[in-house]
N, C-alpha and C. Protein backbone atom coordinates (compact mmCIF):
# COMPACT_ATOMS: atom_id res chain seq x y z
N UNK A 1 32.34 -15.81 4.81
CA UNK A 1 31.27 -16.77 4.77
C UNK A 1 30.34 -16.59 5.96
N UNK A 2 30.93 -16.30 7.12
CA UNK A 2 30.11 -16.10 8.32
C UNK A 2 29.25 -14.85 8.20
N UNK A 3 29.78 -13.83 7.51
CA UNK A 3 29.01 -12.60 7.34
C UNK A 3 27.75 -12.85 6.51
N UNK A 4 27.87 -13.68 5.49
CA UNK A 4 26.71 -13.98 4.65
C UNK A 4 25.66 -14.73 5.44
N UNK A 5 26.08 -15.68 6.26
CA UNK A 5 25.12 -16.45 7.05
C UNK A 5 24.39 -15.55 8.03
N UNK A 6 25.10 -14.66 8.69
CA UNK A 6 24.44 -13.78 9.66
C UNK A 6 23.51 -12.80 8.96
N UNK A 7 23.87 -12.39 7.74
CA UNK A 7 23.00 -11.47 7.00
C UNK A 7 21.72 -12.18 6.58
N UNK A 8 21.85 -13.45 6.20
CA UNK A 8 20.65 -14.19 5.82
C UNK A 8 19.72 -14.41 7.00
N UNK A 9 20.30 -14.69 8.15
CA UNK A 9 19.48 -14.96 9.32
C UNK A 9 18.81 -13.72 9.87
N UNK A 10 19.45 -12.57 9.70
CA UNK A 10 18.88 -11.35 10.26
C UNK A 10 17.84 -10.73 9.35
N UNK A 11 17.77 -11.18 8.10
CA UNK A 11 16.78 -10.62 7.17
C UNK A 11 15.38 -11.05 7.59
N UNK A 12 14.41 -10.16 7.48
CA UNK A 12 13.05 -10.53 7.85
C UNK A 12 12.49 -11.57 6.89
N UNK A 13 11.56 -12.38 7.35
CA UNK A 13 10.99 -13.39 6.46
C UNK A 13 10.20 -12.72 5.34
N UNK A 14 10.18 -13.40 4.22
CA UNK A 14 9.45 -12.85 3.08
C UNK A 14 7.96 -12.82 3.39
N UNK A 15 7.31 -11.74 3.05
CA UNK A 15 5.88 -11.64 3.30
C UNK A 15 5.18 -11.29 2.00
N UNK A 16 3.97 -11.78 1.82
CA UNK A 16 3.27 -11.48 0.57
C UNK A 16 2.82 -10.03 0.54
N UNK A 17 3.29 -9.29 -0.43
CA UNK A 17 2.90 -7.88 -0.58
C UNK A 17 1.85 -7.72 -1.66
N UNK A 18 1.65 -8.76 -2.44
CA UNK A 18 0.69 -8.71 -3.52
C UNK A 18 -0.71 -8.88 -2.93
N UNK A 19 -1.60 -7.92 -3.13
CA UNK A 19 -2.95 -8.04 -2.57
C UNK A 19 -3.69 -9.28 -3.06
N UNK A 20 -3.45 -9.71 -4.30
CA UNK A 20 -4.15 -10.90 -4.78
C UNK A 20 -3.71 -12.14 -4.02
N UNK A 21 -2.46 -12.17 -3.59
CA UNK A 21 -1.98 -13.29 -2.78
C UNK A 21 -2.62 -13.26 -1.40
N UNK A 22 -2.75 -12.08 -0.82
CA UNK A 22 -3.40 -11.96 0.48
C UNK A 22 -4.86 -12.40 0.38
N UNK A 23 -5.54 -11.98 -0.67
CA UNK A 23 -6.94 -12.40 -0.88
C UNK A 23 -7.03 -13.92 -1.04
N UNK A 24 -6.10 -14.50 -1.77
CA UNK A 24 -6.10 -15.95 -1.97
C UNK A 24 -5.83 -16.69 -0.66
N UNK A 25 -4.95 -16.14 0.17
CA UNK A 25 -4.66 -16.76 1.46
C UNK A 25 -5.87 -16.72 2.38
N UNK A 26 -6.58 -15.60 2.41
CA UNK A 26 -7.78 -15.50 3.24
C UNK A 26 -8.84 -16.47 2.72
N UNK A 27 -8.99 -16.56 1.40
CA UNK A 27 -9.95 -17.50 0.82
C UNK A 27 -9.58 -18.94 1.17
N UNK A 28 -8.31 -19.28 1.12
CA UNK A 28 -7.88 -20.64 1.45
C UNK A 28 -8.12 -20.95 2.92
N UNK A 29 -7.89 -19.97 3.78
CA UNK A 29 -8.13 -20.19 5.21
C UNK A 29 -9.62 -20.40 5.48
N UNK A 30 -10.47 -19.63 4.83
CA UNK A 30 -11.91 -19.78 5.02
C UNK A 30 -12.39 -21.09 4.41
N UNK A 31 -11.86 -21.43 3.25
CA UNK A 31 -12.24 -22.68 2.59
C UNK A 31 -11.85 -23.88 3.45
N UNK A 32 -10.76 -23.76 4.20
CA UNK A 32 -10.33 -24.88 5.04
C UNK A 32 -11.10 -24.96 6.35
N UNK A 33 -12.01 -24.03 6.59
CA UNK A 33 -12.87 -24.14 7.76
C UNK A 33 -12.69 -23.05 8.81
N UNK A 34 -11.80 -22.13 8.60
CA UNK A 34 -11.59 -21.06 9.58
C UNK A 34 -12.71 -20.02 9.45
N UNK A 35 -13.05 -19.42 10.55
CA UNK A 35 -14.02 -18.34 10.51
C UNK A 35 -13.36 -17.10 9.91
N UNK A 36 -14.18 -16.12 9.54
CA UNK A 36 -13.63 -14.90 8.96
C UNK A 36 -12.67 -14.22 9.92
N UNK A 37 -13.03 -14.04 11.21
CA UNK A 37 -12.07 -13.39 12.12
C UNK A 37 -10.77 -14.17 12.28
N UNK A 38 -10.85 -15.50 12.38
CA UNK A 38 -9.63 -16.31 12.51
C UNK A 38 -8.79 -16.24 11.24
N UNK A 39 -9.44 -16.27 10.08
CA UNK A 39 -8.70 -16.18 8.82
C UNK A 39 -7.99 -14.84 8.72
N UNK A 40 -8.69 -13.76 9.09
CA UNK A 40 -8.07 -12.44 9.05
C UNK A 40 -6.88 -12.36 10.00
N UNK A 41 -7.06 -12.87 11.19
CA UNK A 41 -5.98 -12.82 12.19
C UNK A 41 -4.78 -13.64 11.75
N UNK A 42 -5.03 -14.84 11.25
CA UNK A 42 -3.94 -15.73 10.83
C UNK A 42 -3.18 -15.17 9.62
N UNK A 43 -3.92 -14.78 8.61
CA UNK A 43 -3.27 -14.24 7.41
C UNK A 43 -2.61 -12.91 7.73
N UNK A 44 -3.23 -12.10 8.57
CA UNK A 44 -2.63 -10.83 8.95
C UNK A 44 -1.30 -11.00 9.66
N UNK A 45 -1.22 -11.99 10.54
CA UNK A 45 0.05 -12.19 11.25
C UNK A 45 1.11 -12.79 10.33
N UNK A 46 0.71 -13.68 9.41
CA UNK A 46 1.71 -14.25 8.50
C UNK A 46 2.12 -13.28 7.41
N UNK A 47 1.21 -12.41 6.99
CA UNK A 47 1.52 -11.45 5.92
C UNK A 47 2.02 -10.13 6.48
N UNK A 48 2.21 -10.06 7.76
CA UNK A 48 2.67 -8.84 8.43
C UNK A 48 1.78 -7.65 8.09
N UNK A 49 0.47 -7.88 8.21
CA UNK A 49 -0.51 -6.83 7.96
C UNK A 49 -1.22 -6.54 9.27
N UNK A 50 -0.82 -5.50 9.99
CA UNK A 50 -1.44 -5.21 11.27
C UNK A 50 -2.93 -4.91 11.16
N UNK A 51 -3.36 -4.36 10.03
CA UNK A 51 -4.78 -4.03 9.88
C UNK A 51 -5.63 -5.30 9.86
N UNK A 52 -5.16 -6.33 9.15
CA UNK A 52 -5.89 -7.60 9.11
C UNK A 52 -5.91 -8.26 10.48
N UNK A 53 -4.76 -8.29 11.14
CA UNK A 53 -4.67 -8.90 12.46
C UNK A 53 -5.57 -8.19 13.45
N UNK A 54 -5.53 -6.88 13.43
CA UNK A 54 -6.34 -6.08 14.37
C UNK A 54 -7.83 -6.29 14.11
N UNK A 55 -8.22 -6.26 12.84
CA UNK A 55 -9.63 -6.46 12.50
C UNK A 55 -10.10 -7.85 12.91
N UNK A 56 -9.28 -8.86 12.68
CA UNK A 56 -9.65 -10.22 13.09
C UNK A 56 -9.83 -10.33 14.59
N UNK A 57 -8.93 -9.74 15.34
CA UNK A 57 -9.04 -9.79 16.81
C UNK A 57 -10.26 -9.04 17.32
N UNK A 58 -10.52 -7.86 16.74
CA UNK A 58 -11.68 -7.10 17.17
C UNK A 58 -12.99 -7.80 16.81
N UNK A 59 -13.04 -8.45 15.66
CA UNK A 59 -14.23 -9.20 15.30
C UNK A 59 -14.44 -10.38 16.23
N UNK A 60 -13.35 -11.02 16.64
CA UNK A 60 -13.45 -12.12 17.61
C UNK A 60 -13.98 -11.63 18.96
N UNK A 61 -13.65 -10.38 19.31
CA UNK A 61 -14.12 -9.82 20.57
C UNK A 61 -15.55 -9.28 20.49
N UNK A 62 -16.13 -9.31 19.31
CA UNK A 62 -17.51 -8.90 19.17
C UNK A 62 -17.73 -7.52 18.60
N UNK A 63 -16.71 -6.90 18.07
CA UNK A 63 -16.86 -5.57 17.47
C UNK A 63 -17.62 -5.68 16.16
N UNK A 64 -18.26 -4.59 15.78
CA UNK A 64 -18.94 -4.53 14.50
C UNK A 64 -17.94 -4.41 13.37
N UNK A 65 -18.43 -4.62 12.14
CA UNK A 65 -17.55 -4.60 10.98
C UNK A 65 -16.85 -3.26 10.81
N UNK A 66 -17.59 -2.18 10.84
CA UNK A 66 -17.00 -0.84 10.67
C UNK A 66 -16.03 -0.53 11.80
N UNK A 67 -16.40 -0.89 13.01
CA UNK A 67 -15.55 -0.60 14.17
C UNK A 67 -14.24 -1.39 14.10
N UNK A 68 -14.29 -2.61 13.59
CA UNK A 68 -13.09 -3.44 13.52
C UNK A 68 -12.07 -2.87 12.54
N UNK A 69 -12.52 -2.23 11.49
CA UNK A 69 -11.61 -1.71 10.48
C UNK A 69 -11.24 -0.25 10.70
N UNK A 70 -11.98 0.43 11.56
CA UNK A 70 -11.74 1.86 11.79
C UNK A 70 -10.47 2.06 12.62
N UNK A 71 -9.73 3.10 12.28
CA UNK A 71 -8.58 3.51 13.09
C UNK A 71 -7.29 2.79 12.79
N UNK A 72 -7.27 1.89 11.82
CA UNK A 72 -6.01 1.21 11.50
C UNK A 72 -5.52 1.67 10.14
N UNK A 73 -4.21 1.67 9.99
CA UNK A 73 -3.60 2.02 8.71
C UNK A 73 -3.75 0.82 7.79
N UNK A 74 -4.59 0.98 6.78
CA UNK A 74 -4.85 -0.16 5.90
C UNK A 74 -4.04 -0.01 4.61
N UNK A 75 -3.33 -1.07 4.28
CA UNK A 75 -2.66 -1.11 3.00
C UNK A 75 -3.67 -1.56 1.94
N UNK A 76 -3.24 -1.67 0.71
CA UNK A 76 -4.18 -2.00 -0.37
C UNK A 76 -4.78 -3.39 -0.18
N UNK A 77 -4.00 -4.32 0.34
CA UNK A 77 -4.52 -5.68 0.56
C UNK A 77 -5.61 -5.67 1.62
N UNK A 78 -5.40 -4.94 2.71
CA UNK A 78 -6.40 -4.89 3.77
C UNK A 78 -7.68 -4.22 3.28
N UNK A 79 -7.56 -3.17 2.47
CA UNK A 79 -8.76 -2.52 1.93
C UNK A 79 -9.54 -3.47 1.03
N UNK A 80 -8.83 -4.22 0.19
CA UNK A 80 -9.50 -5.16 -0.70
C UNK A 80 -10.18 -6.28 0.09
N UNK A 81 -9.51 -6.80 1.10
CA UNK A 81 -10.10 -7.85 1.92
C UNK A 81 -11.33 -7.32 2.65
N UNK A 82 -11.23 -6.11 3.17
CA UNK A 82 -12.36 -5.51 3.88
C UNK A 82 -13.57 -5.36 2.96
N UNK A 83 -13.34 -4.83 1.77
CA UNK A 83 -14.45 -4.63 0.82
C UNK A 83 -15.04 -5.97 0.36
N UNK A 84 -14.17 -6.96 0.16
CA UNK A 84 -14.64 -8.25 -0.34
C UNK A 84 -15.44 -9.02 0.72
N UNK A 85 -15.05 -8.89 1.97
CA UNK A 85 -15.70 -9.68 3.02
C UNK A 85 -16.89 -8.98 3.67
N UNK A 86 -17.06 -7.70 3.42
CA UNK A 86 -18.16 -6.98 4.08
C UNK A 86 -19.53 -7.58 3.76
N UNK A 87 -19.86 -7.90 2.50
CA UNK A 87 -21.18 -8.51 2.26
C UNK A 87 -21.34 -9.86 2.96
N UNK A 88 -20.25 -10.58 3.07
CA UNK A 88 -20.31 -11.87 3.75
C UNK A 88 -20.56 -11.70 5.24
N UNK A 89 -19.89 -10.76 5.86
CA UNK A 89 -20.03 -10.54 7.29
C UNK A 89 -21.41 -9.95 7.62
N UNK A 90 -21.85 -9.02 6.82
CA UNK A 90 -23.12 -8.34 7.13
C UNK A 90 -24.34 -9.09 6.60
N UNK A 91 -24.20 -9.79 5.48
CA UNK A 91 -25.37 -10.41 4.87
C UNK A 91 -25.33 -11.92 4.79
N UNK A 92 -24.24 -12.54 5.17
CA UNK A 92 -24.16 -13.99 5.14
C UNK A 92 -23.85 -14.60 3.79
N UNK A 93 -23.30 -13.82 2.88
CA UNK A 93 -22.93 -14.30 1.55
C UNK A 93 -21.68 -15.16 1.67
N UNK A 94 -21.56 -16.17 0.81
CA UNK A 94 -20.37 -17.03 0.81
C UNK A 94 -19.13 -16.18 0.52
N UNK A 95 -18.14 -16.17 1.41
CA UNK A 95 -16.99 -15.27 1.25
C UNK A 95 -15.98 -15.70 0.19
N UNK A 96 -15.86 -16.98 -0.08
CA UNK A 96 -14.81 -17.46 -0.97
C UNK A 96 -14.96 -16.91 -2.39
N UNK A 97 -16.15 -16.98 -3.01
CA UNK A 97 -16.27 -16.39 -4.36
C UNK A 97 -16.01 -14.89 -4.37
N UNK A 98 -16.39 -14.20 -3.31
CA UNK A 98 -16.13 -12.76 -3.25
C UNK A 98 -14.63 -12.48 -3.24
N UNK A 99 -13.90 -13.26 -2.45
CA UNK A 99 -12.45 -13.08 -2.37
C UNK A 99 -11.78 -13.44 -3.70
N UNK A 100 -12.25 -14.52 -4.32
CA UNK A 100 -11.66 -14.92 -5.59
C UNK A 100 -11.93 -13.89 -6.68
N UNK A 101 -13.14 -13.32 -6.68
CA UNK A 101 -13.47 -12.29 -7.67
C UNK A 101 -12.61 -11.04 -7.44
N UNK A 102 -12.43 -10.67 -6.17
CA UNK A 102 -11.60 -9.49 -5.86
C UNK A 102 -10.15 -9.73 -6.29
N UNK A 103 -9.64 -10.95 -6.07
CA UNK A 103 -8.27 -11.27 -6.50
C UNK A 103 -8.15 -11.22 -8.01
N UNK A 104 -9.15 -11.77 -8.72
CA UNK A 104 -9.10 -11.75 -10.19
C UNK A 104 -9.18 -10.32 -10.71
N UNK A 105 -10.00 -9.49 -10.08
CA UNK A 105 -10.09 -8.09 -10.50
C UNK A 105 -8.78 -7.37 -10.28
N UNK A 106 -8.14 -7.60 -9.14
CA UNK A 106 -6.85 -6.96 -8.85
C UNK A 106 -5.80 -7.40 -9.87
N UNK A 107 -5.76 -8.68 -10.17
CA UNK A 107 -4.78 -9.18 -11.14
C UNK A 107 -5.02 -8.60 -12.53
N UNK A 108 -6.29 -8.47 -12.91
CA UNK A 108 -6.61 -7.90 -14.23
C UNK A 108 -6.17 -6.43 -14.29
N UNK A 109 -6.40 -5.68 -13.21
CA UNK A 109 -5.95 -4.28 -13.18
C UNK A 109 -4.43 -4.19 -13.25
N UNK A 110 -3.77 -5.06 -12.49
CA UNK A 110 -2.30 -5.04 -12.48
C UNK A 110 -1.76 -5.38 -13.87
N UNK A 111 -2.36 -6.37 -14.52
CA UNK A 111 -1.92 -6.75 -15.87
C UNK A 111 -2.16 -5.62 -16.86
N UNK A 112 -3.32 -4.96 -16.76
CA UNK A 112 -3.63 -3.84 -17.66
C UNK A 112 -2.63 -2.70 -17.46
N UNK A 113 -2.31 -2.39 -16.19
CA UNK A 113 -1.32 -1.34 -15.93
C UNK A 113 0.04 -1.71 -16.47
N UNK A 114 0.41 -2.99 -16.37
CA UNK A 114 1.71 -3.43 -16.90
C UNK A 114 1.75 -3.31 -18.42
N UNK A 115 0.65 -3.68 -19.09
CA UNK A 115 0.61 -3.54 -20.55
C UNK A 115 0.67 -2.07 -20.97
N UNK A 116 -0.03 -1.21 -20.24
CA UNK A 116 0.00 0.22 -20.56
C UNK A 116 1.41 0.79 -20.35
N UNK A 117 2.06 0.37 -19.27
CA UNK A 117 3.42 0.84 -19.02
C UNK A 117 4.38 0.35 -20.10
N UNK A 118 4.19 -0.88 -20.55
CA UNK A 118 5.04 -1.40 -21.62
C UNK A 118 4.80 -0.64 -22.92
N UNK A 119 3.56 -0.28 -23.19
CA UNK A 119 3.27 0.50 -24.39
C UNK A 119 3.89 1.89 -24.31
N UNK A 120 3.80 2.51 -23.14
CA UNK A 120 4.43 3.83 -22.97
C UNK A 120 5.94 3.74 -23.12
N UNK A 121 6.52 2.66 -22.64
CA UNK A 121 7.97 2.48 -22.76
C UNK A 121 8.37 2.38 -24.22
N UNK A 122 7.59 1.65 -25.00
CA UNK A 122 7.89 1.54 -26.43
C UNK A 122 7.88 2.89 -27.11
N UNK A 123 6.93 3.73 -26.77
CA UNK A 123 6.85 5.07 -27.36
C UNK A 123 8.03 5.92 -26.92
N UNK A 124 8.40 5.79 -25.66
CA UNK A 124 9.52 6.60 -25.15
C UNK A 124 10.87 6.16 -25.71
N UNK A 125 10.97 4.92 -26.13
CA UNK A 125 12.24 4.42 -26.65
C UNK A 125 12.45 4.75 -28.13
N UNK A 126 11.42 5.16 -28.83
CA UNK A 126 11.55 5.42 -30.27
C UNK A 126 12.55 6.53 -30.54
N UNK A 127 12.45 7.64 -29.85
CA UNK A 127 13.33 8.78 -30.12
C UNK A 127 14.80 8.45 -29.82
N UNK A 128 15.15 7.92 -28.64
CA UNK A 128 16.57 7.61 -28.42
C UNK A 128 17.12 6.57 -29.39
N UNK A 129 16.33 5.56 -29.69
CA UNK A 129 16.81 4.56 -30.63
C UNK A 129 16.96 5.16 -32.03
N UNK A 130 16.02 6.01 -32.42
CA UNK A 130 16.13 6.68 -33.72
C UNK A 130 17.37 7.55 -33.79
N UNK A 131 17.65 8.27 -32.71
CA UNK A 131 18.82 9.14 -32.70
C UNK A 131 20.13 8.35 -32.73
N UNK A 132 20.10 7.13 -32.23
CA UNK A 132 21.31 6.31 -32.24
C UNK A 132 21.46 5.55 -33.56
N UNK A 133 20.37 4.98 -34.06
CA UNK A 133 20.46 4.12 -35.23
C UNK A 133 20.46 4.87 -36.55
N UNK A 134 19.78 6.00 -36.64
CA UNK A 134 19.72 6.72 -37.90
C UNK A 134 21.10 7.19 -38.37
N UNK A 135 21.90 7.83 -37.52
CA UNK A 135 23.25 8.21 -37.98
C UNK A 135 24.10 7.00 -38.35
N UNK A 136 23.97 5.92 -37.58
CA UNK A 136 24.75 4.72 -37.90
C UNK A 136 24.31 4.14 -39.24
N UNK A 137 23.01 4.12 -39.48
CA UNK A 137 22.49 3.63 -40.77
C UNK A 137 23.02 4.48 -41.92
N UNK A 138 23.00 5.78 -41.74
CA UNK A 138 23.48 6.68 -42.80
C UNK A 138 24.97 6.47 -43.05
N UNK A 139 25.74 6.32 -41.99
CA UNK A 139 27.19 6.17 -42.14
C UNK A 139 27.57 4.81 -42.75
N UNK A 140 26.83 3.78 -42.44
CA UNK A 140 27.21 2.44 -42.89
C UNK A 140 26.63 2.11 -44.26
N UNK A 141 25.43 2.58 -44.57
CA UNK A 141 24.81 2.14 -45.82
C UNK A 141 24.65 3.25 -46.85
N UNK A 142 24.13 4.37 -46.49
CA UNK A 142 23.82 5.41 -47.48
C UNK A 142 25.08 6.14 -47.92
N UNK A 143 25.92 6.55 -46.99
CA UNK A 143 27.12 7.32 -47.32
C UNK A 143 28.07 6.56 -48.26
N UNK A 144 28.39 5.29 -48.00
CA UNK A 144 29.27 4.59 -48.94
C UNK A 144 28.68 4.47 -50.35
N UNK A 145 27.36 4.26 -50.45
CA UNK A 145 26.72 4.17 -51.76
C UNK A 145 26.82 5.50 -52.48
N UNK A 146 26.55 6.58 -51.77
CA UNK A 146 26.63 7.91 -52.37
C UNK A 146 28.06 8.26 -52.77
N UNK A 147 29.02 7.91 -51.95
CA UNK A 147 30.43 8.17 -52.31
C UNK A 147 30.85 7.35 -53.52
N UNK A 148 30.43 6.10 -53.55
CA UNK A 148 30.82 5.26 -54.69
C UNK A 148 30.17 5.75 -55.98
N UNK A 149 28.90 6.09 -55.93
CA UNK A 149 28.24 6.58 -57.13
C UNK A 149 28.72 7.99 -57.49
N UNK A 150 29.05 8.79 -56.51
CA UNK A 150 29.55 10.14 -56.77
C UNK A 150 30.92 10.13 -57.42
N UNK A 151 31.75 9.25 -57.02
CA UNK A 151 33.07 9.16 -57.63
C UNK A 151 32.97 8.63 -59.06
N UNK A 152 32.05 7.74 -59.33
CA UNK A 152 31.87 7.22 -60.69
C UNK A 152 31.28 8.28 -61.61
N UNK A 153 30.41 9.13 -61.06
CA UNK A 153 29.81 10.18 -61.89
C UNK A 153 30.83 11.28 -62.17
N UNK A 154 31.60 11.67 -61.14
CA UNK A 154 32.57 12.72 -61.31
C UNK A 154 33.76 12.27 -62.16
N UNK A 155 34.15 11.04 -62.01
CA UNK A 155 35.28 10.52 -62.78
C UNK A 155 34.78 9.49 -63.79
N UNK A 156 34.72 9.89 -65.04
CA UNK A 156 34.20 8.98 -66.07
C UNK A 156 35.16 7.91 -66.45
């Protein structure tokens, strides 16, 4: 019992890996009144995304948009956040609809990929299932009928 407790405590906290969740968190932070750099820094530290945290800190220090994102290893969430917020930072566009649109686009792509993968799986399963069920069908239904009719024809 003690081993389980220590294993639970030593496990890292769960972090959002889904880019749409990261986009939604940044949108919620901005909607609640945080500036773009503060939202990036806060969400980056909670989501364990060093690129977001670094960009937020550099923007707070006065770096330009390109400079803040340059040189960091960006995961897919950081790239999406960067692309979604760039018009807002450079042109003053409201950031929340941009983030929400980017999250909806990501979710639509993810759903489309899941449906395509499910369709491919169905095609791949046809051959193994056919190879398993066809002999069983023949042995259980066709063969007994043929044997019964064959014996009746051969023996009048």
